[in-house]
Amino acid sequence: MAKASASANTLAARLARLGLKRDADFVLHLPLRYEDETRITALADARPGSAAQFEVDVVDSEIAYRPRRQLIARVRDASGALSLRFLNFYPGQQKVLQPGARLRVFGEVHEGYLGPEIIHPRFHAVAAGESLPEGLTPVYPTTAGLGQGTLRRLIEKALARVDLGDTLPPELLQRLGLPGIAESIRYLHNPPPE
């Protein structure tokens, strides 16, 4: 019980560093940029220096010691192959990156010593044919120890709870051609890919 309380206090302290205390604070904590996870790119079409999402199968993985301890997984799709390199990793990541695993990987492709690679990609296991998100993925300003996933969940919960009623009269919104505040805020947190 004390451990859960300490964890909640730590999260609250990290959120406070960003000025996030009330639902309104979360709703107005706007993204810095967006990542497009609404489409899958073939490995052969990856442009060096550009971030993209790939759906791949793990061919093999190993812990290498050149020059320092790192986890390297070789992955492929029908069009090509590349390596995923982790300089810092956890046993849970190593477990997911077993041969035969199907992954969605997001990251920037670079030309490495042994061919194309992504260093510290974001990834998760998927089933074949799993649906893709319909909107762009927001990337929020954050602080050490506070991940994007946690921020996204908290902001989504705040959006569901907060009253986003307009303070401007409907006639004025219509005359100026402005969308309502609720529509605008929801659009900023979850825009379509176009």
Protein backbone atom coordinates (compact mmCIF):
# COMPACT_ATOMS: atom_id res chain seq x y z
CA MET A 1 0.00 0.00 0.00
CA ALA A 2 2.82 2.41 0.91
CA LYS A 3 4.58 1.57 -2.37
CA ALA A 4 1.47 2.46 -4.42
CA SER A 5 1.12 5.73 -2.49
CA ALA A 6 4.79 6.61 -3.10
CA SER A 7 4.36 5.82 -6.80
CA ALA A 8 1.28 8.07 -7.01
CA ASN A 9 3.16 10.87 -5.23
CA THR A 10 6.07 10.50 -7.65
CA LEU A 11 3.68 10.71 -10.62
CA ALA A 12 1.95 13.73 -9.10
CA ALA A 13 5.33 15.44 -8.60
CA ARG A 14 6.32 14.81 -12.20
CA LEU A 15 2.97 16.11 -13.45
CA ALA A 16 3.30 19.16 -11.20
CA ARG A 17 6.66 19.99 -12.86
CA LEU A 18 4.66 20.38 -16.08
CA GLY A 19 1.91 22.38 -14.34
CA LEU A 20 -0.58 19.51 -14.70
CA LYS A 21 -2.91 19.32 -11.70
CA ARG A 22 -6.50 19.88 -12.85
CA ASP A 23 -8.41 18.43 -15.81
CA ALA A 24 -8.22 21.81 -17.56
CA ASP A 25 -4.41 21.73 -17.29
CA PHE A 26 -4.31 18.35 -19.05
CA VAL A 27 -6.74 19.44 -21.76
CA LEU A 28 -4.64 22.52 -22.53
CA HIS A 29 -1.33 20.59 -22.49
CA LEU A 30 -1.04 20.58 -26.28
CA PRO A 31 1.22 18.39 -28.47
CA LEU A 32 4.60 19.61 -29.69
CA ARG A 33 4.27 17.49 -32.83
CA TYR A 34 2.58 14.39 -34.20
CA GLU A 35 3.77 10.99 -35.43
CA ASP A 36 1.96 9.12 -38.19
CA GLU A 37 1.15 5.60 -37.02
CA THR A 38 -1.87 5.38 -39.33
CA ARG A 39 0.04 3.55 -42.07
CA ILE A 40 2.63 0.82 -42.49
CA THR A 41 5.72 1.48 -44.61
CA ALA A 42 7.55 -1.36 -46.36
CA LEU A 43 11.18 -1.64 -45.24
CA ALA A 44 12.31 -1.25 -48.85
CA ASP A 45 10.55 2.15 -48.97
CA ALA A 46 12.15 3.49 -45.77
CA ARG A 47 13.90 6.81 -46.30
CA PRO A 48 17.04 7.27 -44.18
CA GLY A 49 16.57 10.03 -41.63
CA SER A 50 12.75 9.85 -41.74
CA ALA A 51 10.61 8.25 -39.07
CA ALA A 52 8.06 5.66 -40.18
CA GLN A 53 6.13 2.67 -38.89
CA PHE A 54 6.89 -0.86 -40.04
CA GLU A 55 5.25 -4.23 -39.43
CA VAL A 56 7.99 -6.85 -39.22
CA ASP A 57 8.82 -10.35 -38.03
CA VAL A 58 11.81 -10.95 -35.74
CA VAL A 59 14.37 -13.22 -37.43
CA ASP A 60 16.81 -13.38 -34.51
CA SER A 61 18.09 -11.37 -31.57
CA GLU A 62 21.25 -11.35 -29.51
CA ILE A 63 23.08 -9.48 -26.81
CA ALA A 64 26.31 -8.23 -28.36
CA TYR A 65 29.34 -6.75 -26.63
CA ARG A 66 30.78 -4.53 -29.32
CA PRO A 67 31.98 -2.11 -27.97
CA ARG A 68 29.42 -2.17 -25.13
CA ARG A 69 26.53 -4.39 -24.12
CA GLN A 70 23.59 -3.93 -26.51
CA LEU A 71 20.54 -5.82 -27.73
CA ILE A 72 20.32 -6.30 -31.48
CA ALA A 73 17.29 -7.80 -33.20
CA ARG A 74 17.18 -8.52 -36.91
CA VAL A 75 13.74 -8.08 -38.43
CA ARG A 76 12.22 -8.38 -41.88
CA ASP A 77 9.09 -7.90 -43.91
CA ALA A 78 8.33 -9.09 -47.44
CA SER A 79 10.44 -6.26 -48.94
CA GLY A 80 13.63 -6.25 -46.89
CA ALA A 81 15.40 -6.42 -43.55
CA LEU A 82 17.01 -4.18 -40.95
CA SER A 83 18.34 -4.26 -37.39
CA LEU A 84 16.85 -2.83 -34.23
CA ARG A 85 19.57 -1.69 -31.81
CA PHE A 86 19.09 -1.03 -28.09
CA LEU A 87 22.01 0.38 -26.10
CA ASN A 88 19.92 0.34 -22.91
CA PHE A 89 17.34 -2.42 -22.58
CA TYR A 90 15.30 -4.42 -20.13
CA PRO A 91 14.63 -8.16 -19.85
CA GLY A 92 11.02 -7.51 -20.89
CA GLN A 93 12.18 -6.04 -24.19
CA GLN A 94 14.50 -8.97 -24.77
CA LYS A 95 11.59 -11.34 -24.15
CA VAL A 96 9.35 -9.61 -26.74
CA LEU A 97 12.13 -9.61 -29.37
CA GLN A 98 12.21 -13.40 -29.74
CA PRO A 99 12.44 -15.03 -33.21
CA GLY A 100 9.02 -15.36 -34.80
CA ALA A 101 7.47 -12.39 -32.97
CA ARG A 102 5.43 -9.99 -35.11
CA LEU A 103 6.01 -6.32 -34.23
CA ARG A 104 4.93 -2.82 -35.11
CA VAL A 105 8.06 -0.69 -35.00
CA PHE A 106 8.24 3.09 -35.17
CA GLY A 107 11.52 4.93 -35.60
CA GLU A 108 14.04 6.64 -37.82
CA VAL A 109 16.08 4.44 -40.15
CA HIS A 110 19.84 5.09 -40.33
CA GLU A 111 22.61 3.38 -42.24
CA GLY A 112 24.64 1.40 -39.69
CA TYR A 113 27.85 -0.62 -39.98
CA LEU A 114 25.91 -3.75 -40.88
CA GLY A 115 23.20 -2.11 -42.99
CA PRO A 116 20.01 -0.20 -42.20
CA GLU A 117 19.03 0.02 -38.53
CA ILE A 118 16.80 1.83 -36.07
CA ILE A 119 18.32 2.77 -32.73
CA HIS A 120 15.91 2.58 -29.78
CA PRO A 121 12.70 2.22 -31.79
CA ARG A 122 9.29 2.25 -30.16
CA PHE A 123 7.71 -1.18 -30.68
CA HIS A 124 4.98 -3.53 -29.55
CA ALA A 125 3.83 -7.03 -30.45
CA VAL A 126 0.83 -7.29 -32.80
CA ALA A 127 -1.33 -9.93 -34.38
CA ALA A 128 -1.42 -10.16 -38.17
CA GLY A 129 -4.04 -7.79 -39.57
CA GLU A 130 -4.39 -5.74 -36.37
CA SER A 131 -6.03 -2.40 -37.11
CA LEU A 132 -4.11 0.87 -37.24
CA PRO A 133 -4.95 4.09 -35.36
CA GLU A 134 -7.24 6.47 -37.25
CA GLY A 135 -5.56 9.68 -36.06
CA LEU A 136 -2.04 10.99 -35.73
CA THR A 137 -0.23 10.17 -32.48
CA PRO A 138 0.43 13.29 -30.38
CA VAL A 139 3.85 13.86 -28.81
CA TYR A 140 3.53 16.02 -25.69
CA PRO A 141 6.07 18.09 -23.77
CA THR A 142 7.20 15.89 -20.89
CA THR A 143 9.71 15.56 -18.09
CA ALA A 144 12.12 12.84 -16.96
CA GLY A 145 10.34 9.68 -15.86
CA LEU A 146 7.00 10.59 -17.42
CA GLY A 147 6.32 8.65 -20.62
CA GLN A 148 4.17 9.61 -23.56
CA GLY A 149 1.79 6.69 -22.96
CA THR A 150 1.03 7.88 -19.43
CA LEU A 151 0.48 11.46 -20.58
CA ARG A 152 -1.82 10.33 -23.43
CA ARG A 153 -3.97 8.23 -21.07
CA LEU A 154 -4.28 11.04 -18.52
CA ILE A 155 -5.15 13.61 -21.19
CA GLU A 156 -7.79 11.28 -22.71
CA LYS A 157 -9.38 10.80 -19.28
CA ALA A 158 -9.39 14.57 -18.69
CA LEU A 159 -10.98 15.16 -22.12
CA ALA A 160 -13.77 12.74 -21.20
CA ARG A 161 -14.44 14.51 -17.84
CA VAL A 162 -13.98 18.21 -18.54
CA ASP A 163 -16.77 20.56 -19.64
CA LEU A 164 -15.69 22.06 -22.95
CA GLY A 165 -18.69 24.35 -23.32
CA ASP A 166 -18.18 27.44 -25.46
CA THR A 167 -17.96 30.82 -23.81
CA LEU A 168 -18.64 32.65 -27.07
CA PRO A 169 -22.22 32.98 -28.30
CA PRO A 170 -23.12 30.55 -31.15
CA GLU A 171 -24.02 33.50 -33.43
CA LEU A 172 -20.52 34.92 -33.08
CA LEU A 173 -18.88 31.54 -33.76
CA GLN A 174 -21.02 31.16 -36.88
CA ARG A 175 -20.45 34.72 -38.10
CA LEU A 176 -16.65 34.34 -37.69
CA GLY A 177 -16.62 30.79 -39.11
CA LEU A 178 -15.01 29.39 -35.97
CA PRO A 179 -15.41 25.82 -34.75
CA GLY A 180 -16.51 25.23 -31.16
CA ILE A 181 -13.92 24.90 -28.40
CA ALA A 182 -14.69 21.18 -27.84
CA GLU A 183 -14.20 20.37 -31.52
CA SER A 184 -10.99 22.42 -31.67
CA ILE A 185 -9.42 20.88 -28.55
CA ARG A 186 -10.29 17.32 -29.58
CA TYR A 187 -8.85 18.00 -33.05
CA LEU A 188 -5.55 19.26 -31.55
CA HIS A 189 -5.18 16.11 -29.43
CA ASN A 190 -6.22 13.64 -32.15
CA PRO A 191 -5.99 15.07 -35.68
CA PRO A 192 -6.71 12.97 -38.78
CA PRO A 193 -3.71 12.01 -40.95
CA GLU A 194 -4.59 14.37 -43.82
